[in-house]
Amino acid sequence: MRAALVGRGQEVIEVTRGQDVRAAVAEHEPDLVVLDLQIGNMGGIAVTIDLHLEEAAGRLPRVPILLLLDREADRFLARRAAADAELVKPVEPGTLRRTVKRLVGGDDRRPSRPMASERADVQ
């Protein structure tokens, strides 16, 4: 993941626990949050919902969220949680880069939302 995402002028901040993502977003105000569906005891879906609630309350900035899923059937959960995009693992590096570029570049084709193992990557 890191190799596919890091480029000139970019930094990747890794957070190993889902409950730490909110603080990392508040501190670093990233351009994108990449979450694995399976993150310890607070998975990617719960983190996505938490970030949306904090955004709606005005405590966090709006940050696009990319969820990395284990299987196609998980797309339903990602959409219900209002993730901006989702990819099913294993993810091709080119697909990941194109998706990140679309999300960070503001080319979000989804309508506006209402309001890797044990790792969440905050870019």
N, C-alpha and C. Protein backbone atom coordinates (compact mmCIF):
# COMPACT_ATOMS: atom_id res chain seq x y z
N MET A 1 0.82 -1.19 0.00
CA MET A 1 0.00 0.00 0.00
C MET A 1 0.86 1.25 0.00
N ARG A 2 1.83 1.28 0.88
CA ARG A 2 2.68 2.47 0.99
C ARG A 2 3.38 2.74 -0.33
N ALA A 3 3.94 1.72 -0.95
CA ALA A 3 4.68 1.91 -2.20
C ALA A 3 3.78 2.46 -3.30
N ALA A 4 2.53 2.03 -3.33
CA ALA A 4 1.61 2.49 -4.36
C ALA A 4 1.13 3.92 -4.11
N LEU A 5 1.15 4.36 -2.86
CA LEU A 5 0.58 5.67 -2.52
C LEU A 5 1.60 6.79 -2.40
N VAL A 6 2.82 6.47 -1.99
CA VAL A 6 3.79 7.52 -1.73
C VAL A 6 4.38 8.05 -3.03
N GLY A 7 4.38 9.34 -3.15
CA GLY A 7 4.96 10.02 -4.30
C GLY A 7 5.57 11.32 -3.85
N ARG A 8 6.00 12.09 -4.80
CA ARG A 8 6.61 13.39 -4.48
C ARG A 8 5.60 14.28 -3.77
N GLY A 9 6.01 14.79 -2.63
CA GLY A 9 5.15 15.69 -1.88
C GLY A 9 4.03 15.01 -1.11
N GLN A 10 4.07 13.69 -1.02
CA GLN A 10 3.03 12.96 -0.29
C GLN A 10 3.63 12.29 0.93
N GLU A 11 2.80 12.14 1.93
CA GLU A 11 3.20 11.47 3.15
C GLU A 11 2.09 10.50 3.53
N VAL A 12 2.46 9.32 3.99
CA VAL A 12 1.49 8.35 4.48
C VAL A 12 1.70 8.18 5.97
N ILE A 13 0.64 8.34 6.72
CA ILE A 13 0.69 8.17 8.17
C ILE A 13 -0.09 6.90 8.48
N GLU A 14 0.56 5.94 9.10
CA GLU A 14 -0.09 4.68 9.44
C GLU A 14 -0.60 4.69 10.86
N VAL A 15 -1.82 4.24 11.01
CA VAL A 15 -2.45 4.11 12.32
C VAL A 15 -2.84 2.65 12.46
N THR A 16 -2.46 2.01 13.55
CA THR A 16 -2.66 0.57 13.68
C THR A 16 -3.94 0.17 14.38
N ARG A 17 -4.64 1.14 14.97
CA ARG A 17 -5.90 0.82 15.65
C ARG A 17 -7.00 1.73 15.14
N GLY A 18 -8.15 1.15 14.86
CA GLY A 18 -9.27 1.92 14.34
C GLY A 18 -9.65 3.09 15.21
N GLN A 19 -9.62 2.91 16.52
CA GLN A 19 -10.02 3.99 17.43
C GLN A 19 -9.04 5.16 17.42
N ASP A 20 -7.87 4.99 16.80
CA ASP A 20 -6.90 6.08 16.72
C ASP A 20 -7.02 6.91 15.44
N VAL A 21 -7.86 6.48 14.52
CA VAL A 21 -7.98 7.18 13.24
C VAL A 21 -8.55 8.59 13.43
N ARG A 22 -9.56 8.73 14.27
CA ARG A 22 -10.18 10.04 14.49
C ARG A 22 -9.14 11.06 14.94
N ALA A 23 -8.31 10.70 15.90
CA ALA A 23 -7.28 11.63 16.40
C ALA A 23 -6.26 11.95 15.31
N ALA A 24 -5.91 10.95 14.50
CA ALA A 24 -4.95 11.19 13.41
C ALA A 24 -5.53 12.14 12.37
N VAL A 25 -6.80 12.00 12.08
CA VAL A 25 -7.46 12.90 11.12
C VAL A 25 -7.51 14.31 11.70
N ALA A 26 -7.84 14.43 12.97
CA ALA A 26 -7.90 15.76 13.61
C ALA A 26 -6.53 16.42 13.61
N GLU A 27 -5.49 15.65 13.88
CA GLU A 27 -4.14 16.21 13.98
C GLU A 27 -3.54 16.56 12.62
N HIS A 28 -3.72 15.67 11.63
CA HIS A 28 -3.02 15.82 10.36
C HIS A 28 -3.87 16.40 9.23
N GLU A 29 -5.20 16.40 9.39
CA GLU A 29 -6.12 16.86 8.35
C GLU A 29 -5.70 16.33 6.98
N PRO A 30 -5.75 15.02 6.81
CA PRO A 30 -5.27 14.40 5.56
C PRO A 30 -6.19 14.68 4.38
N ASP A 31 -5.65 14.44 3.18
CA ASP A 31 -6.45 14.56 1.95
C ASP A 31 -7.31 13.33 1.73
N LEU A 32 -6.94 12.21 2.36
CA LEU A 32 -7.63 10.94 2.14
C LEU A 32 -7.38 10.02 3.31
N VAL A 33 -8.39 9.21 3.66
CA VAL A 33 -8.24 8.15 4.65
C VAL A 33 -8.49 6.83 3.93
N VAL A 34 -7.53 5.92 4.04
CA VAL A 34 -7.66 4.57 3.47
C VAL A 34 -7.80 3.61 4.64
N LEU A 35 -8.92 2.89 4.68
CA LEU A 35 -9.21 1.99 5.79
C LEU A 35 -9.35 0.56 5.30
N ASP A 36 -8.79 -0.36 6.05
CA ASP A 36 -9.02 -1.77 5.80
C ASP A 36 -10.30 -2.16 6.54
N LEU A 37 -11.08 -3.01 5.94
CA LEU A 37 -12.32 -3.46 6.58
C LEU A 37 -12.02 -4.10 7.92
N GLN A 38 -10.94 -4.85 8.00
CA GLN A 38 -10.57 -5.56 9.22
C GLN A 38 -9.46 -4.82 9.95
N ILE A 39 -9.84 -3.95 10.88
CA ILE A 39 -8.86 -3.22 11.68
C ILE A 39 -9.13 -3.56 13.14
N GLY A 40 -8.42 -4.52 13.67
CA GLY A 40 -8.52 -4.84 15.10
C GLY A 40 -9.93 -4.90 15.62
N ASN A 41 -10.17 -4.22 16.74
CA ASN A 41 -11.48 -4.29 17.37
C ASN A 41 -12.43 -3.17 16.95
N MET A 42 -12.00 -2.28 16.05
CA MET A 42 -12.89 -1.26 15.49
C MET A 42 -12.62 -1.23 13.99
N GLY A 43 -13.44 -1.95 13.25
CA GLY A 43 -13.20 -2.14 11.82
C GLY A 43 -13.44 -0.90 10.99
N GLY A 44 -13.12 -1.03 9.71
CA GLY A 44 -13.22 0.07 8.77
C GLY A 44 -14.61 0.67 8.65
N ILE A 45 -15.64 -0.15 8.75
CA ILE A 45 -17.01 0.35 8.67
C ILE A 45 -17.30 1.25 9.88
N ALA A 46 -16.95 0.79 11.07
CA ALA A 46 -17.18 1.58 12.29
C ALA A 46 -16.38 2.88 12.24
N VAL A 47 -15.15 2.82 11.76
CA VAL A 47 -14.33 4.02 11.66
C VAL A 47 -14.94 5.00 10.66
N THR A 48 -15.42 4.50 9.54
CA THR A 48 -16.06 5.35 8.54
C THR A 48 -17.26 6.08 9.13
N ILE A 49 -18.10 5.35 9.83
CA ILE A 49 -19.28 5.95 10.45
C ILE A 49 -18.85 6.98 11.50
N ASP A 50 -17.84 6.64 12.30
CA ASP A 50 -17.34 7.56 13.32
C ASP A 50 -16.84 8.86 12.69
N LEU A 51 -16.08 8.75 11.61
CA LEU A 51 -15.57 9.96 10.95
C LEU A 51 -16.71 10.81 10.39
N HIS A 52 -17.73 10.17 9.84
CA HIS A 52 -18.88 10.93 9.32
C HIS A 52 -19.62 11.65 10.45
N LEU A 53 -19.79 10.97 11.58
CA LEU A 53 -20.47 11.61 12.71
C LEU A 53 -19.68 12.81 13.23
N GLU A 54 -18.37 12.66 13.32
CA GLU A 54 -17.53 13.76 13.78
C GLU A 54 -17.55 14.92 12.79
N GLU A 55 -17.58 14.60 11.50
CA GLU A 55 -17.68 15.64 10.48
C GLU A 55 -19.02 16.39 10.61
N ALA A 56 -20.10 15.63 10.75
CA ALA A 56 -21.43 16.24 10.86
C ALA A 56 -21.55 17.13 12.09
N ALA A 57 -20.82 16.79 13.14
CA ALA A 57 -20.85 17.59 14.37
C ALA A 57 -19.91 18.78 14.30
N GLY A 58 -19.16 18.89 13.19
CA GLY A 58 -18.25 20.01 13.04
C GLY A 58 -16.92 19.85 13.76
N ARG A 59 -16.63 18.65 14.21
CA ARG A 59 -15.38 18.43 14.95
C ARG A 59 -14.24 17.94 14.06
N LEU A 60 -14.56 17.50 12.83
CA LEU A 60 -13.54 17.05 11.89
C LEU A 60 -13.83 17.64 10.52
N PRO A 61 -12.78 17.84 9.73
CA PRO A 61 -13.01 18.31 8.36
C PRO A 61 -13.53 17.17 7.50
N ARG A 62 -14.08 17.51 6.36
CA ARG A 62 -14.54 16.52 5.38
C ARG A 62 -13.31 15.87 4.76
N VAL A 63 -13.20 14.55 4.86
CA VAL A 63 -12.08 13.80 4.30
C VAL A 63 -12.65 12.61 3.53
N PRO A 64 -12.29 12.44 2.26
CA PRO A 64 -12.75 11.27 1.52
C PRO A 64 -12.22 9.99 2.17
N ILE A 65 -13.03 8.94 2.10
CA ILE A 65 -12.66 7.66 2.71
C ILE A 65 -12.70 6.56 1.65
N LEU A 66 -11.61 5.82 1.55
CA LEU A 66 -11.50 4.65 0.69
C LEU A 66 -11.43 3.43 1.59
N LEU A 67 -12.37 2.51 1.41
CA LEU A 67 -12.39 1.27 2.18
C LEU A 67 -11.85 0.12 1.36
N LEU A 68 -10.94 -0.65 1.94
CA LEU A 68 -10.41 -1.85 1.31
C LEU A 68 -11.17 -3.04 1.88
N LEU A 69 -11.83 -3.77 0.99
CA LEU A 69 -12.75 -4.82 1.39
C LEU A 69 -12.17 -6.21 1.18
N ASP A 70 -12.74 -7.17 1.89
CA ASP A 70 -12.30 -8.55 1.78
C ASP A 70 -12.98 -9.30 0.63
N ARG A 71 -14.21 -8.91 0.29
CA ARG A 71 -14.96 -9.62 -0.74
C ARG A 71 -16.00 -8.69 -1.36
N GLU A 72 -16.47 -9.06 -2.52
CA GLU A 72 -17.47 -8.26 -3.25
C GLU A 72 -18.71 -7.99 -2.41
N ALA A 73 -19.15 -8.97 -1.64
CA ALA A 73 -20.37 -8.81 -0.84
C ALA A 73 -20.24 -7.67 0.17
N ASP A 74 -19.01 -7.29 0.53
CA ASP A 74 -18.81 -6.21 1.49
C ASP A 74 -19.08 -4.83 0.91
N ARG A 75 -19.24 -4.74 -0.41
CA ARG A 75 -19.53 -3.44 -1.03
C ARG A 75 -20.82 -2.83 -0.47
N PHE A 76 -21.78 -3.68 -0.17
CA PHE A 76 -23.04 -3.22 0.41
C PHE A 76 -22.77 -2.47 1.72
N LEU A 77 -21.93 -3.04 2.58
CA LEU A 77 -21.61 -2.40 3.86
C LEU A 77 -20.89 -1.08 3.66
N ALA A 78 -19.94 -1.06 2.72
CA ALA A 78 -19.19 0.17 2.44
C ALA A 78 -20.11 1.27 1.97
N ARG A 79 -21.06 0.93 1.14
CA ARG A 79 -22.00 1.95 0.64
C ARG A 79 -22.95 2.41 1.73
N ARG A 80 -23.39 1.50 2.58
CA ARG A 80 -24.27 1.88 3.69
C ARG A 80 -23.55 2.81 4.67
N ALA A 81 -22.23 2.62 4.81
CA ALA A 81 -21.43 3.48 5.69
C ALA A 81 -21.05 4.78 5.00
N ALA A 82 -21.42 4.94 3.73
CA ALA A 82 -21.16 6.15 2.94
C ALA A 82 -19.67 6.38 2.68
N ALA A 83 -18.93 5.27 2.45
CA ALA A 83 -17.54 5.43 2.02
C ALA A 83 -17.55 6.08 0.64
N ASP A 84 -16.55 6.86 0.35
CA ASP A 84 -16.47 7.54 -0.94
C ASP A 84 -16.10 6.59 -2.06
N ALA A 85 -15.36 5.54 -1.72
CA ALA A 85 -14.99 4.52 -2.69
C ALA A 85 -14.62 3.26 -1.93
N GLU A 86 -14.67 2.15 -2.63
CA GLU A 86 -14.26 0.89 -2.04
C GLU A 86 -13.58 0.05 -3.11
N LEU A 87 -12.59 -0.71 -2.68
CA LEU A 87 -11.88 -1.63 -3.55
C LEU A 87 -11.79 -2.97 -2.84
N VAL A 88 -11.95 -4.05 -3.61
CA VAL A 88 -11.86 -5.39 -3.05
C VAL A 88 -10.42 -5.89 -3.19
N LYS A 89 -9.87 -6.39 -2.09
CA LYS A 89 -8.51 -6.91 -2.08
C LYS A 89 -8.46 -8.27 -2.77
N PRO A 90 -7.36 -8.62 -3.38
CA PRO A 90 -6.14 -7.82 -3.54
C PRO A 90 -6.37 -6.69 -4.54
N VAL A 91 -5.71 -5.58 -4.27
CA VAL A 91 -5.89 -4.38 -5.08
C VAL A 91 -4.67 -4.19 -5.98
N GLU A 92 -4.92 -3.99 -7.26
CA GLU A 92 -3.84 -3.70 -8.21
C GLU A 92 -3.31 -2.30 -7.91
N PRO A 93 -2.00 -2.11 -7.89
CA PRO A 93 -1.44 -0.78 -7.60
C PRO A 93 -1.97 0.32 -8.52
N GLY A 94 -2.13 0.03 -9.79
CA GLY A 94 -2.65 1.04 -10.72
C GLY A 94 -4.08 1.43 -10.39
N THR A 95 -4.90 0.46 -10.04
CA THR A 95 -6.28 0.74 -9.66
C THR A 95 -6.32 1.58 -8.39
N LEU A 96 -5.46 1.26 -7.46
CA LEU A 96 -5.39 2.03 -6.23
C LEU A 96 -4.99 3.47 -6.52
N ARG A 97 -3.97 3.67 -7.32
CA ARG A 97 -3.51 5.03 -7.64
C ARG A 97 -4.60 5.83 -8.37
N ARG A 98 -5.28 5.20 -9.32
CA ARG A 98 -6.36 5.90 -10.04
C ARG A 98 -7.50 6.29 -9.10
N THR A 99 -7.84 5.38 -8.21
CA THR A 99 -8.93 5.66 -7.27
C THR A 99 -8.54 6.79 -6.32
N VAL A 100 -7.31 6.75 -5.81
CA VAL A 100 -6.83 7.81 -4.92
C VAL A 100 -6.82 9.14 -5.67
N LYS A 101 -6.35 9.14 -6.89
CA LYS A 101 -6.31 10.39 -7.68
C LYS A 101 -7.72 10.95 -7.87
N ARG A 102 -8.67 10.09 -8.16
CA ARG A 102 -10.05 10.52 -8.33
C ARG A 102 -10.60 11.12 -7.04
N LEU A 103 -10.33 10.48 -5.92
CA LEU A 103 -10.86 10.96 -4.64
C LEU A 103 -10.19 12.25 -4.18
N VAL A 104 -8.90 12.32 -4.30
CA VAL A 104 -8.16 13.50 -3.86
C VAL A 104 -8.34 14.65 -4.84
N GLY A 105 -8.48 14.30 -6.11
CA GLY A 105 -8.66 15.33 -7.13
C GLY A 105 -10.05 15.89 -7.20
N GLY A 106 -10.97 15.34 -6.40
CA GLY A 106 -12.32 15.87 -6.35
C GLY A 106 -13.25 15.31 -7.41
N ASP A 107 -12.80 14.31 -8.17
CA ASP A 107 -13.66 13.70 -9.19
C ASP A 107 -14.46 12.58 -8.56
N ASP A 108 -15.34 12.93 -7.63
CA ASP A 108 -16.14 11.95 -6.92
C ASP A 108 -17.41 11.69 -7.71
N ARG A 109 -17.52 10.53 -8.26
CA ARG A 109 -18.68 10.19 -9.11
C ARG A 109 -19.89 9.74 -8.31
N ARG A 110 -19.74 9.58 -7.03
CA ARG A 110 -20.87 9.20 -6.19
C ARG A 110 -21.62 10.45 -5.75
N PRO A 111 -22.91 10.31 -5.49
CA PRO A 111 -23.65 11.46 -4.97
C PRO A 111 -23.12 11.85 -3.59
N SER A 112 -23.35 13.08 -3.19
CA SER A 112 -22.91 13.55 -1.88
C SER A 112 -23.52 12.68 -0.80
N ARG A 113 -22.76 12.43 0.22
CA ARG A 113 -23.27 11.63 1.31
C ARG A 113 -23.98 12.52 2.31
N PRO A 114 -24.90 11.96 3.08
CA PRO A 114 -25.71 12.73 4.03
C PRO A 114 -24.94 13.14 5.27
N MET A 115 -24.92 14.41 5.37
CA MET A 115 -24.54 15.16 6.54
C MET A 115 -24.09 16.42 6.14
N ALA A 116 -5.59 -3.56 5.58
CA ALA A 116 -4.62 -4.28 5.20
C ALA A 116 -4.50 -5.08 6.43
N SER A 117 -5.42 -5.78 6.68
CA SER A 117 -5.01 -6.36 7.96
C SER A 117 -5.16 -5.30 9.03
N GLU A 118 -4.33 -5.32 10.03
CA GLU A 118 -4.47 -4.42 11.17
C GLU A 118 -3.88 -3.06 10.88
N ARG A 119 -4.41 -2.36 9.87
CA ARG A 119 -3.81 -1.07 9.57
C ARG A 119 -4.81 -0.17 8.88
N ALA A 120 -4.81 1.06 9.28
CA ALA A 120 -5.55 2.09 8.57
C ALA A 120 -4.50 3.09 8.11
N ASP A 121 -4.52 3.45 6.86
CA ASP A 121 -3.55 4.40 6.34
C ASP A 121 -4.22 5.75 6.19
N VAL A 122 -3.60 6.77 6.73
CA VAL A 122 -4.10 8.12 6.59
C VAL A 122 -3.12 8.85 5.70
N GLN A 123 -3.58 9.31 4.54
CA GLN A 123 -2.68 10.01 3.62
C GLN A 123 -2.92 11.48 3.71
